[in-house]
Every structure is written in C-alpha cells, then in structure tokens.
C-alpha cells in the first residue's frame, strides 16, 4: 500500500538540484542458513533549507542485499545535479559523464584529523582542525542565506583559507612519516581536494554531507530496537518506513501521527494523487499525540 507514496517521495528527492547520499549496514536473516547477512540501507536526502530554499525537505531510503556500486548507480540513474557523498568508489561511475557533479565532505576530513589528535595529541592535527574550523565559522555566518550571498562569502573568505590549507597540507605531508595516521588523513584530503573545494563555487552546495548522516540516525535507533530484518523483502519494507518517518521528521511532524494518518487513508486513495499524502502536503491536518496540530 505504501509503495506508491514512497515512489512519490523518491521522485521529489531526485527532482532537486542536489542530493546528499550515504549508506549503512543492516543485519538481514539469511533464509535457510540460521544466521544473518549484511544488507545495506542507502539514504538520499533533499534539503536545501540552508541555502534559503523553501522546497520541502525529504529523505528516500533504498535497500540492497549488498554494497555493490550497481545499487546507487541504479538509484540515481535519472538524477542530474550535485551529489554530496563520501569517497565510496561505487559512486565513481555516476560522475563519469558529468551529468552528476561530485562534491566531497569536509566533516569526513575533519573526523580523520580529530581521530589522530584524540589518539596522539598531535599539534599538527590540531592545526588542521583549527583551519577547518575557520571554514565552518564562515558557513555559520551564511546559514540560510540565498545561494548568491553564500557563494560570494565563500569566494572572498573561504577560498583564500583553502589555498593556504592546501599548501600547508602539502608541506606537512613532506615532513611526517608516510606510514603515520596523520599522513593518511592528509592524503585523504588531498586526493579529494577538487571535490572538497567545489562548494565554494556554488551557493547551493553544503560544506559537508551531514544532512545524510543525520538521516541515518533513524536507522541507528531502529537497530537498537530490533535484531535483524527477516528477509530482503523485510529490508525493503524497512526502507519504505524509514523514508516516511525521516521525511515526516524533516517537516516537523510527529512520525507516529503521520503514519497513522497515512495508513488510515491510503488504501482508498487514487494512485495518481498519492503525492497529496506526502508529509508537507498534509502537515496542517496532522494531530500530534498531545492533541495539538503539528
């Protein structure tokens, strides 16, 4: 019953100019084996509110029985625009013809330096964190501003800092052990540099992929409440429910109240009008558990 609604949600997510993508493992019972295998939940998020866009935010989850690159390549086959993601190689084929533009994530870069600093107290890692922090301070100033304002601020303020950081990373890499964790963190940043600095030339783009990581928190909470999905079909149903729950949350709705509202109506709803049941379309009709409108 929910499949047409999730399809409408998917269409909305992929109709945007930018999508955040990530994935996470999910245990799935392997039929006849008495044990679990590792399936995958992929998340695709449309949320341009930080760039002052009023389009409703939404998240679409998809399930696959493994992490092969063919899955995101199929999920995003019709998408054209900016893809913000990590450095997972399965995305690479999507960038080949230029239809989809790769943008990397500064939060991933920061995390690698943070781990080095936490483990070793490295002054060089601390310096990297300080420099990255200055980039995030600029983003805080332009949060919610129109793309043109964001792009101008990044060009005047962030681009010089990035040029300096790039030189510093190269020089630092020459002075540290090539087998060290610090060198590994630096090489990670330099390898992705073109995709990392792309956000400065487009005010719609974010500095990181945290929108997708936030969406996956719903899955992390779910894993605490169940041991595994019963089958691949169960994984697909979980993806559908996570899509609706996550999108309800992004639009400020109580997920339980929204699901009750939808389930009570969708069986008799015309398939070609099912988009009328998407979270933002029914927000003013949803009553929260406390009895107040969400």
C-alpha atoms as a PDB file:
ATOM      1  CA  UNK A   1       0.000   0.000   0.000  1.00  0.00           C
ATOM      2  CA  UNK A   2       2.836   2.398   0.813  1.00  0.00           C
ATOM      3  CA  UNK A   3       4.845   1.734  -2.350  1.00  0.00           C
ATOM      4  CA  UNK A   4       3.215   4.484  -4.497  1.00  0.00           C
ATOM      5  CA  UNK A   5       3.713   7.016  -1.694  1.00  0.00           C
ATOM      6  CA  UNK A   6       7.380   6.101  -1.331  1.00  0.00           C
ATOM      7  CA  UNK A   7       7.748   6.333  -5.121  1.00  0.00           C
ATOM      8  CA  UNK A   8       6.318   9.856  -4.986  1.00  0.00           C
ATOM      9  CA  UNK A   9       8.773  10.684  -2.206  1.00  0.00           C
ATOM     10  CA  UNK A  10      11.646   9.325  -4.307  1.00  0.00           C
ATOM     11  CA  UNK A  11      10.550  11.463  -7.270  1.00  0.00           C
ATOM     12  CA  UNK A  12      10.536  14.571  -5.095  1.00  0.00           C
ATOM     13  CA  UNK A  13      14.002  13.857  -3.670  1.00  0.00           C
ATOM     14  CA  UNK A  14      15.562  13.227  -7.092  1.00  0.00           C
ATOM     15  CA  UNK A  15      13.851  16.253  -8.675  1.00  0.00           C
ATOM     16  CA  UNK A  16      16.129  18.608  -6.742  1.00  0.00           C
ATOM     17  CA  UNK A  17      19.412  20.040  -7.979  1.00  0.00           C
ATOM     18  CA  UNK A  18      21.371  18.491  -5.115  1.00  0.00           C
ATOM     19  CA  UNK A  19      21.174  15.213  -3.235  1.00  0.00           C
ATOM     20  CA  UNK A  20      23.055  14.051  -0.140  1.00  0.00           C
ATOM     21  CA  UNK A  21      23.839  10.320  -0.151  1.00  0.00           C
ATOM     22  CA  UNK A  22      25.171   7.800   2.359  1.00  0.00           C
ATOM     23  CA  UNK A  23      24.657   4.193   3.406  1.00  0.00           C
ATOM     24  CA  UNK A  24      24.728   1.984   6.470  1.00  0.00           C
ATOM     25  CA  UNK A  25      24.781  -1.774   7.119  1.00  0.00           C
ATOM     26  CA  UNK A  26      21.669  -3.593   8.302  1.00  0.00           C
ATOM     27  CA  UNK A  27      21.581  -7.240   9.507  1.00  0.00           C
ATOM     28  CA  UNK A  28      19.244  -9.427   7.467  1.00  0.00           C
ATOM     29  CA  UNK A  29      18.291 -13.030   8.161  1.00  0.00           C
ATOM     30  CA  UNK A  30      19.718 -15.354   5.512  1.00  0.00           C
ATOM     31  CA  UNK A  31      16.963 -17.863   4.601  1.00  0.00           C
ATOM     32  CA  UNK A  32      17.779 -21.448   5.499  1.00  0.00           C
ATOM     33  CA  UNK A  33      21.166 -20.585   6.997  1.00  0.00           C
ATOM     34  CA  UNK A  34      20.144 -19.751  10.557  1.00  0.00           C
ATOM     35  CA  UNK A  35      22.343 -16.672  10.583  1.00  0.00           C
ATOM     36  CA  UNK A  36      22.318 -13.087   9.356  1.00  0.00           C
ATOM     37  CA  UNK A  37      23.964 -11.498   6.366  1.00  0.00           C
ATOM     38  CA  UNK A  38      24.756  -7.799   5.913  1.00  0.00           C
ATOM     39  CA  UNK A  39      22.359  -5.845   3.753  1.00  0.00           C
ATOM     40  CA  UNK A  40      22.541  -2.137   3.058  1.00  0.00           C
ATOM     41  CA  UNK A  41      20.278   0.842   3.516  1.00  0.00           C
ATOM     42  CA  UNK A  42      21.027   3.788   1.245  1.00  0.00           C
ATOM     43  CA  UNK A  43      19.790   7.247   2.118  1.00  0.00           C
ATOM     44  CA  UNK A  44      19.210  10.095  -0.311  1.00  0.00           C
ATOM     45  CA  UNK A  45      18.305  13.494   1.135  1.00  0.00           C
ATOM     46  CA  UNK A  46      16.941  16.634  -0.446  1.00  0.00           C
ATOM     47  CA  UNK A  47      17.270  19.565   1.911  1.00  0.00           C
ATOM     48  CA  UNK A  48      18.176  22.980   0.566  1.00  0.00           C
ATOM     49  CA  UNK A  49      16.915  24.998   3.518  1.00  0.00           C
ATOM     50  CA  UNK A  50      20.481  26.030   4.469  1.00  0.00           C
ATOM     51  CA  UNK A  51      20.613  27.807   1.085  1.00  0.00           C
ATOM     52  CA  UNK A  52      17.339  29.651   1.726  1.00  0.00           C
ATOM     53  CA  UNK A  53      15.244  27.327  -0.455  1.00  0.00           C
ATOM     54  CA  UNK A  54      11.605  26.723   0.505  1.00  0.00           C
ATOM     55  CA  UNK A  55      11.227  23.341  -1.232  1.00  0.00           C
ATOM     56  CA  UNK A  56      10.088  20.711   1.292  1.00  0.00           C
ATOM     57  CA  UNK A  57      12.973  18.615   2.654  1.00  0.00           C
ATOM     58  CA  UNK A  58      12.674  14.858   2.248  1.00  0.00           C
ATOM     59  CA  UNK A  59      14.635  11.632   2.536  1.00  0.00           C
ATOM     60  CA  UNK A  60      14.316   8.462   0.476  1.00  0.00           C
ATOM     61  CA  UNK A  61      15.777   5.172   1.716  1.00  0.00           C
ATOM     62  CA  UNK A  62      16.512   2.206  -0.540  1.00  0.00           C
ATOM     63  CA  UNK A  63      17.524  -1.320   0.460  1.00  0.00           C
ATOM     64  CA  UNK A  64      20.028  -3.607  -1.253  1.00  0.00           C
ATOM     65  CA  UNK A  65      21.341  -7.067  -0.265  1.00  0.00           C
ATOM     66  CA  UNK A  66      24.965  -5.896  -0.580  1.00  0.00           C
ATOM     67  CA  UNK A  67      27.076  -2.753  -1.066  1.00  0.00           C
ATOM     68  CA  UNK A  68      27.971  -3.136  -4.732  1.00  0.00           C
ATOM     69  CA  UNK A  69      28.158   0.103  -6.683  1.00  0.00           C
ATOM     70  CA  UNK A  70      25.458  -1.043  -9.086  1.00  0.00           C
ATOM     71  CA  UNK A  71      22.846  -0.170  -6.468  1.00  0.00           C
ATOM     72  CA  UNK A  72      23.478   3.594  -6.054  1.00  0.00           C
ATOM     73  CA  UNK A  73      24.133   3.739  -9.787  1.00  0.00           C
ATOM     74  CA  UNK A  74      20.614   2.346 -10.359  1.00  0.00           C
ATOM     75  CA  UNK A  75      19.057   4.513  -7.630  1.00  0.00           C
ATOM     76  CA  UNK A  76      20.469   7.706  -9.178  1.00  0.00           C
ATOM     77  CA  UNK A  77      20.183   6.742 -12.838  1.00  0.00           C
ATOM     78  CA  UNK A  78      17.691   9.518 -13.566  1.00  0.00           C
ATOM     79  CA  UNK A  79      19.276  12.162 -11.328  1.00  0.00           C
ATOM     80  CA  UNK A  80      21.071  15.189 -12.722  1.00  0.00           C
ATOM     81  CA  UNK A  81      22.823  17.637 -10.450  1.00  0.00           C
ATOM     82  CA  UNK A  82      25.124  17.724  -7.437  1.00  0.00           C
ATOM     83  CA  UNK A  83      25.791  14.605  -5.387  1.00  0.00           C
ATOM     84  CA  UNK A  84      27.266  15.216  -1.925  1.00  0.00           C
ATOM     85  CA  UNK A  85      28.701  11.965  -0.592  1.00  0.00           C
ATOM     86  CA  UNK A  86      31.746  10.292   0.886  1.00  0.00           C
ATOM     87  CA  UNK A  87      34.586   8.790  -1.132  1.00  0.00           C
ATOM     88  CA  UNK A  88      32.900   5.407  -1.682  1.00  0.00           C
ATOM     89  CA  UNK A  89      34.101   4.048  -5.024  1.00  0.00           C
ATOM     90  CA  UNK A  90      30.642   2.810  -6.011  1.00  0.00           C
ATOM     91  CA  UNK A  91      29.650   6.397  -6.750  1.00  0.00           C
ATOM     92  CA  UNK A  92      32.505   6.973  -9.214  1.00  0.00           C
ATOM     93  CA  UNK A  93      30.667   5.681 -12.279  1.00  0.00           C
ATOM     94  CA  UNK A  94      27.966   8.285 -11.662  1.00  0.00           C
ATOM     95  CA  UNK A  95      30.451  11.106 -12.205  1.00  0.00           C
ATOM     96  CA  UNK A  96      31.894   9.756 -15.449  1.00  0.00           C
ATOM     97  CA  UNK A  97      29.831  11.723 -17.991  1.00  0.00           C
ATOM     98  CA  UNK A  98      29.497  14.939 -15.986  1.00  0.00           C
ATOM     99  CA  UNK A  99      25.731  14.625 -15.549  1.00  0.00           C
ATOM    100  CA  UNK A 100      26.268  14.256 -11.811  1.00  0.00           C
ATOM    101  CA  UNK A 101      28.804  16.514 -10.109  1.00  0.00           C
ATOM    102  CA  UNK A 102      30.836  15.098  -7.235  1.00  0.00           C
ATOM    103  CA  UNK A 103      31.087  17.101  -4.005  1.00  0.00           C
ATOM    104  CA  UNK A 104      33.027  15.697  -1.066  1.00  0.00           C
ATOM    105  CA  UNK A 105      32.511  16.145   2.663  1.00  0.00           C
ATOM    106  CA  UNK A 106      34.654  18.276   4.972  1.00  0.00           C
ATOM    107  CA  UNK A 107      33.159  16.563   8.025  1.00  0.00           C
ATOM    108  CA  UNK A 108      34.812  13.305   6.898  1.00  0.00           C
ATOM    109  CA  UNK A 109      38.143  15.097   6.524  1.00  0.00           C
ATOM    110  CA  UNK A 110      37.792  16.753   9.912  1.00  0.00           C
ATOM    111  CA  UNK A 111      36.944  13.416  11.541  1.00  0.00           C
ATOM    112  CA  UNK A 112      40.183  11.851  10.358  1.00  0.00           C
ATOM    113  CA  UNK A 113      42.278  14.648  11.849  1.00  0.00           C
ATOM    114  CA  UNK A 114      40.199  14.590  15.031  1.00  0.00           C
ATOM    115  CA  UNK A 115      40.904  10.882  15.487  1.00  0.00           C
ATOM    116  CA  UNK A 116      44.644  11.486  15.103  1.00  0.00           C
ATOM    117  CA  UNK A 117      44.560  14.330  17.605  1.00  0.00           C
ATOM    118  CA  UNK A 118      42.495  12.306  20.059  1.00  0.00           C
ATOM    119  CA  UNK A 119      44.858   9.343  19.869  1.00  0.00           C
ATOM    120  CA  UNK A 120      48.167  11.171  19.765  1.00  0.00           C
ATOM    121  CA  UNK A 121      47.621  14.767  20.859  1.00  0.00           C
ATOM    122  CA  UNK A 122      49.274  15.810  17.593  1.00  0.00           C
ATOM    123  CA  UNK A 123      49.897  19.575  17.296  1.00  0.00           C
ATOM    124  CA  UNK A 124      49.792  19.208  13.511  1.00  0.00           C
ATOM    125  CA  UNK A 125      46.382  17.542  13.656  1.00  0.00           C
ATOM    126  CA  UNK A 126      45.248  20.329  15.990  1.00  0.00           C
ATOM    127  CA  UNK A 127      46.407  22.893  13.437  1.00  0.00           C
ATOM    128  CA  UNK A 128      44.405  21.120  10.712  1.00  0.00           C
ATOM    129  CA  UNK A 129      41.333  21.154  12.947  1.00  0.00           C
ATOM    130  CA  UNK A 130      41.791  24.868  13.600  1.00  0.00           C
ATOM    131  CA  UNK A 131      41.986  25.630   9.893  1.00  0.00           C
ATOM    132  CA  UNK A 132      38.929  23.518   9.095  1.00  0.00           C
ATOM    133  CA  UNK A 133      37.096  25.180  11.973  1.00  0.00           C
ATOM    134  CA  UNK A 134      37.657  28.559  10.317  1.00  0.00           C
ATOM    135  CA  UNK A 135      35.874  27.256   7.208  1.00  0.00           C
ATOM    136  CA  UNK A 136      32.907  26.163   9.305  1.00  0.00           C
ATOM    137  CA  UNK A 137      32.769  29.569  11.004  1.00  0.00           C
ATOM    138  CA  UNK A 138      32.129  31.114   7.590  1.00  0.00           C
ATOM    139  CA  UNK A 139      29.341  28.613   6.945  1.00  0.00           C
ATOM    140  CA  UNK A 140      27.685  29.552  10.226  1.00  0.00           C
ATOM    141  CA  UNK A 141      27.552  33.165   9.057  1.00  0.00           C
ATOM    142  CA  UNK A 142      25.829  32.315   5.769  1.00  0.00           C
ATOM    143  CA  UNK A 143      23.428  29.633   7.050  1.00  0.00           C
ATOM    144  CA  UNK A 144      20.006  30.127   5.467  1.00  0.00           C
ATOM    145  CA  UNK A 145      21.200  32.890   3.130  1.00  0.00           C
ATOM    146  CA  UNK A 146      20.471  32.817  -0.632  1.00  0.00           C
ATOM    147  CA  UNK A 147      22.971  30.938  -2.837  1.00  0.00           C
ATOM    148  CA  UNK A 148      24.436  34.134  -4.324  1.00  0.00           C
ATOM    149  CA  UNK A 149      25.249  35.501  -0.858  1.00  0.00           C
ATOM    150  CA  UNK A 150      26.776  32.208   0.235  1.00  0.00           C
ATOM    151  CA  UNK A 151      28.881  31.937  -2.908  1.00  0.00           C
ATOM    152  CA  UNK A 152      30.190  35.495  -2.578  1.00  0.00           C
ATOM    153  CA  UNK A 153      31.180  34.969   1.068  1.00  0.00           C
ATOM    154  CA  UNK A 154      32.947  31.736   0.232  1.00  0.00           C
ATOM    155  CA  UNK A 155      34.819  33.308  -2.678  1.00  0.00           C
ATOM    156  CA  UNK A 156      36.078  36.214  -0.594  1.00  0.00           C
ATOM    157  CA  UNK A 157      36.635  34.469   2.731  1.00  0.00           C
ATOM    158  CA  UNK A 158      36.893  30.690   2.315  1.00  0.00           C
ATOM    159  CA  UNK A 159      38.864  30.428  -0.935  1.00  0.00           C
ATOM    160  CA  UNK A 160      41.998  32.146   0.473  1.00  0.00           C
ATOM    161  CA  UNK A 161      41.850  29.928   3.572  1.00  0.00           C
ATOM    162  CA  UNK A 162      41.532  26.838   1.396  1.00  0.00           C
ATOM    163  CA  UNK A 163      44.502  27.836  -0.755  1.00  0.00           C
ATOM    164  CA  UNK A 164      46.578  28.290   2.381  1.00  0.00           C
ATOM    165  CA  UNK A 165      45.357  24.979   3.815  1.00  0.00           C
ATOM    166  CA  UNK A 166      46.240  23.162   0.603  1.00  0.00           C
ATOM    167  CA  UNK A 167      49.831  24.475   0.727  1.00  0.00           C
ATOM    168  CA  UNK A 168      50.094  23.641   4.412  1.00  0.00           C
ATOM    169  CA  UNK A 169      48.886  20.073   3.851  1.00  0.00           C
ATOM    170  CA  UNK A 170      51.463  19.508   1.115  1.00  0.00           C
ATOM    171  CA  UNK A 171      54.301  20.883   3.221  1.00  0.00           C
ATOM    172  CA  UNK A 172      53.210  18.948   6.299  1.00  0.00           C
ATOM    173  CA  UNK A 173      52.960  15.701   4.344  1.00  0.00           C
ATOM    174  CA  UNK A 174      56.605  16.040   3.346  1.00  0.00           C
ATOM    175  CA  UNK A 175      57.676  16.373   6.978  1.00  0.00           C
ATOM    176  CA  UNK A 176      55.846  13.442   8.604  1.00  0.00           C
ATOM    177  CA  UNK A 177      56.172   9.679   8.399  1.00  0.00           C
ATOM    178  CA  UNK A 178      54.385   8.449   5.289  1.00  0.00           C
ATOM    179  CA  UNK A 179      53.083   5.486   7.274  1.00  0.00           C
ATOM    180  CA  UNK A 180      51.524   7.605  10.007  1.00  0.00           C
ATOM    181  CA  UNK A 181      47.825   8.139  10.572  1.00  0.00           C
ATOM    182  CA  UNK A 182      48.402  11.868  10.084  1.00  0.00           C
ATOM    183  CA  UNK A 183      49.865  11.277   6.628  1.00  0.00           C
ATOM    184  CA  UNK A 184      46.873   9.096   5.809  1.00  0.00           C
ATOM    185  CA  UNK A 185      44.486  11.877   6.833  1.00  0.00           C
ATOM    186  CA  UNK A 186      46.372  14.403   4.727  1.00  0.00           C
ATOM    187  CA  UNK A 187      46.426  12.151   1.666  1.00  0.00           C
ATOM    188  CA  UNK A 188      42.681  11.601   2.027  1.00  0.00           C
ATOM    189  CA  UNK A 189      42.084  15.354   1.906  1.00  0.00           C
ATOM    190  CA  UNK A 190      44.444  15.980  -0.996  1.00  0.00           C
ATOM    191  CA  UNK A 191      43.030  13.126  -3.055  1.00  0.00           C
ATOM    192  CA  UNK A 192      39.539  14.631  -2.781  1.00  0.00           C
ATOM    193  CA  UNK A 193      40.636  18.256  -2.993  1.00  0.00           C
ATOM    194  CA  UNK A 194      38.821  19.211  -6.195  1.00  0.00           C
ATOM    195  CA  UNK A 195      35.548  17.776  -4.860  1.00  0.00           C
ATOM    196  CA  UNK A 196      36.167  19.286  -1.419  1.00  0.00           C
ATOM    197  CA  UNK A 197      36.531  22.882  -2.645  1.00  0.00           C
ATOM    198  CA  UNK A 198      33.672  22.684  -5.152  1.00  0.00           C
ATOM    199  CA  UNK A 199      31.242  24.080  -2.586  1.00  0.00           C
ATOM    200  CA  UNK A 200      32.918  27.492  -2.839  1.00  0.00           C
ATOM    201  CA  UNK A 201      31.728  27.923  -6.427  1.00  0.00           C
ATOM    202  CA  UNK A 202      28.067  27.089  -5.862  1.00  0.00           C
ATOM    203  CA  UNK A 203      25.981  28.609  -3.086  1.00  0.00           C
ATOM    204  CA  UNK A 204      23.507  25.723  -3.183  1.00  0.00           C
ATOM    205  CA  UNK A 205      26.174  23.219  -2.128  1.00  0.00           C
ATOM    206  CA  UNK A 206      26.950  22.466   1.525  1.00  0.00           C
ATOM    207  CA  UNK A 207      30.381  22.173   3.091  1.00  0.00           C
ATOM    208  CA  UNK A 208      29.641  18.634   4.247  1.00  0.00           C
ATOM    209  CA  UNK A 209      27.331  15.664   3.939  1.00  0.00           C
ATOM    210  CA  UNK A 210      25.856  15.911   7.425  1.00  0.00           C
ATOM    211  CA  UNK A 211      22.301  16.010   6.052  1.00  0.00           C
ATOM    212  CA  UNK A 212      22.684  12.362   5.014  1.00  0.00           C
ATOM    213  CA  UNK A 213      24.402  11.379   8.239  1.00  0.00           C
ATOM    214  CA  UNK A 214      21.568  12.899  10.270  1.00  0.00           C
ATOM    215  CA  UNK A 215      19.059  10.896   8.236  1.00  0.00           C
ATOM    216  CA  UNK A 216      20.866   7.671   9.124  1.00  0.00           C
ATOM    217  CA  UNK A 217      20.372   8.281  12.851  1.00  0.00           C
ATOM    218  CA  UNK A 218      16.843   6.957  12.452  1.00  0.00           C
ATOM    219  CA  UNK A 219      18.305   3.665  11.250  1.00  0.00           C
ATOM    220  CA  UNK A 220      20.769   3.575  14.142  1.00  0.00           C
ATOM    221  CA  UNK A 221      17.880   3.948  16.593  1.00  0.00           C
ATOM    222  CA  UNK A 222      15.969   1.231  14.778  1.00  0.00           C
ATOM    223  CA  UNK A 223      18.866  -1.201  15.114  1.00  0.00           C
ATOM    224  CA  UNK A 224      18.639  -0.830  18.881  1.00  0.00           C
ATOM    225  CA  UNK A 225      15.013  -1.950  18.780  1.00  0.00           C
ATOM    226  CA  UNK A 226      15.272  -4.991  16.523  1.00  0.00           C
ATOM    227  CA  UNK A 227      17.931  -7.655  15.953  1.00  0.00           C
ATOM    228  CA  UNK A 228      17.617  -8.014  12.181  1.00  0.00           C
ATOM    229  CA  UNK A 229      15.322  -7.787   9.175  1.00  0.00           C
ATOM    230  CA  UNK A 230      13.646 -11.113   8.440  1.00  0.00           C
ATOM    231  CA  UNK A 231      14.459 -11.108   4.724  1.00  0.00           C
ATOM    232  CA  UNK A 232      15.420  -8.906   1.781  1.00  0.00           C
ATOM    233  CA  UNK A 233      11.722  -8.112   1.417  1.00  0.00           C
ATOM    234  CA  UNK A 234      11.740  -7.058   5.067  1.00  0.00           C
ATOM    235  CA  UNK A 235      14.700  -4.797   4.316  1.00  0.00           C
ATOM    236  CA  UNK A 236      12.729  -3.155   1.519  1.00  0.00           C
ATOM    237  CA  UNK A 237       9.751  -2.605   3.819  1.00  0.00           C
ATOM    238  CA  UNK A 238      12.069  -1.117   6.435  1.00  0.00           C
ATOM    239  CA  UNK A 239      13.448   1.276   3.810  1.00  0.00           C
ATOM    240  CA  UNK A 240       9.896   2.375   2.966  1.00  0.00           C
ATOM    241  CA  UNK A 241       9.004   3.042   6.608  1.00  0.00           C
ATOM    242  CA  UNK A 242      12.302   4.857   7.251  1.00  0.00           C
ATOM    243  CA  UNK A 243      11.576   7.052   4.207  1.00  0.00           C
ATOM    244  CA  UNK A 244       8.237   8.128   5.620  1.00  0.00           C
ATOM    245  CA  UNK A 245       9.480   8.532   9.193  1.00  0.00           C
ATOM    246  CA  UNK A 246      12.555  10.506   8.142  1.00  0.00           C
ATOM    247  CA  UNK A 247      10.602  12.798   5.834  1.00  0.00           C
ATOM    248  CA  UNK A 248       7.962  13.412   8.496  1.00  0.00           C
ATOM    249  CA  UNK A 249      10.697  14.451  10.941  1.00  0.00           C
ATOM    250  CA  UNK A 250      12.326  16.774   8.397  1.00  0.00           C
ATOM    251  CA  UNK A 251       8.981  18.533   8.005  1.00  0.00           C
ATOM    252  CA  UNK A 252       8.392  18.899  11.744  1.00  0.00           C
ATOM    253  CA  UNK A 253       5.737  16.196  12.051  1.00  0.00           C
ATOM    254  CA  UNK A 254       5.388  13.529  14.694  1.00  0.00           C
ATOM    255  CA  UNK A 255       6.241  10.352  12.704  1.00  0.00           C
ATOM    256  CA  UNK A 256       3.746   8.144  14.530  1.00  0.00           C
ATOM    257  CA  UNK A 257       0.916  10.614  13.979  1.00  0.00           C
ATOM    258  CA  UNK A 258       1.838  10.946  10.313  1.00  0.00           C
ATOM    259  CA  UNK A 259       1.937   7.169   9.750  1.00  0.00           C
ATOM    260  CA  UNK A 260      -1.457   6.775  11.429  1.00  0.00           C
ATOM    261  CA  UNK A 261      -2.865   9.493   9.198  1.00  0.00           C
ATOM    262  CA  UNK A 262      -1.495   7.926   6.015  1.00  0.00           C
ATOM    263  CA  UNK A 263      -2.390   4.314   6.809  1.00  0.00           C
ATOM    264  CA  UNK A 264      -5.981   5.318   7.571  1.00  0.00           C
ATOM    265  CA  UNK A 265      -6.388   6.858   4.113  1.00  0.00           C
ATOM    266  CA  UNK A 266      -4.009   5.352   1.581  1.00  0.00           C
ATOM    267  CA  UNK A 267      -5.965   2.163   0.774  1.00  0.00           C
ATOM    268  CA  UNK A 268      -8.742   4.149  -0.869  1.00  0.00           C
ATOM    269  CA  UNK A 269      -6.593   6.962  -2.251  1.00  0.00           C
ATOM    270  CA  UNK A 270      -6.213   7.260  -6.056  1.00  0.00           C
ATOM    271  CA  UNK A 271      -2.685   6.174  -7.005  1.00  0.00           C
ATOM    272  CA  UNK A 272      -2.213   9.163  -9.315  1.00  0.00           C
ATOM    273  CA  UNK A 273      -2.992  11.533  -6.434  1.00  0.00           C
ATOM    274  CA  UNK A 274      -0.956   9.850  -3.713  1.00  0.00           C
ATOM    275  CA  UNK A 275       1.558  12.712  -3.628  1.00  0.00           C
ATOM    276  CA  UNK A 276      -1.184  14.618  -1.797  1.00  0.00           C
ATOM    277  CA  UNK A 277      -0.325  12.455   1.241  1.00  0.00           C
ATOM    278  CA  UNK A 278       3.343  13.443   1.424  1.00  0.00           C
ATOM    279  CA  UNK A 279       4.283  14.986   4.807  1.00  0.00           C
ATOM    280  CA  UNK A 280       4.387  18.632   3.783  1.00  0.00           C
ATOM    281  CA  UNK A 281       1.085  18.312   1.902  1.00  0.00           C
ATOM    282  CA  UNK A 282      -0.828  17.130   4.973  1.00  0.00           C
ATOM    283  CA  UNK A 283       1.094  18.915   7.731  1.00  0.00           C
ATOM    284  CA  UNK A 284      -1.835  21.119   8.647  1.00  0.00           C
ATOM    285  CA  UNK A 285      -4.097  18.059   9.023  1.00  0.00           C
ATOM    286  CA  UNK A 286      -1.850  16.044  11.334  1.00  0.00           C
ATOM    287  CA  UNK A 287      -2.746  15.980  15.022  1.00  0.00           C
ATOM    288  CA  UNK A 288       0.124  15.223  17.361  1.00  0.00           C
ATOM    289  CA  UNK A 289      -0.297  12.785  20.291  1.00  0.00           C
ATOM    290  CA  UNK A 290      -0.704  15.758  22.650  1.00  0.00           C
ATOM    291  CA  UNK A 291      -3.753  16.846  20.663  1.00  0.00           C
ATOM    292  CA  UNK A 292      -2.169  19.899  19.109  1.00  0.00           C
ATOM    293  CA  UNK A 293      -1.579  20.369  15.389  1.00  0.00           C
ATOM    294  CA  UNK A 294       1.996  19.686  14.362  1.00  0.00           C
END
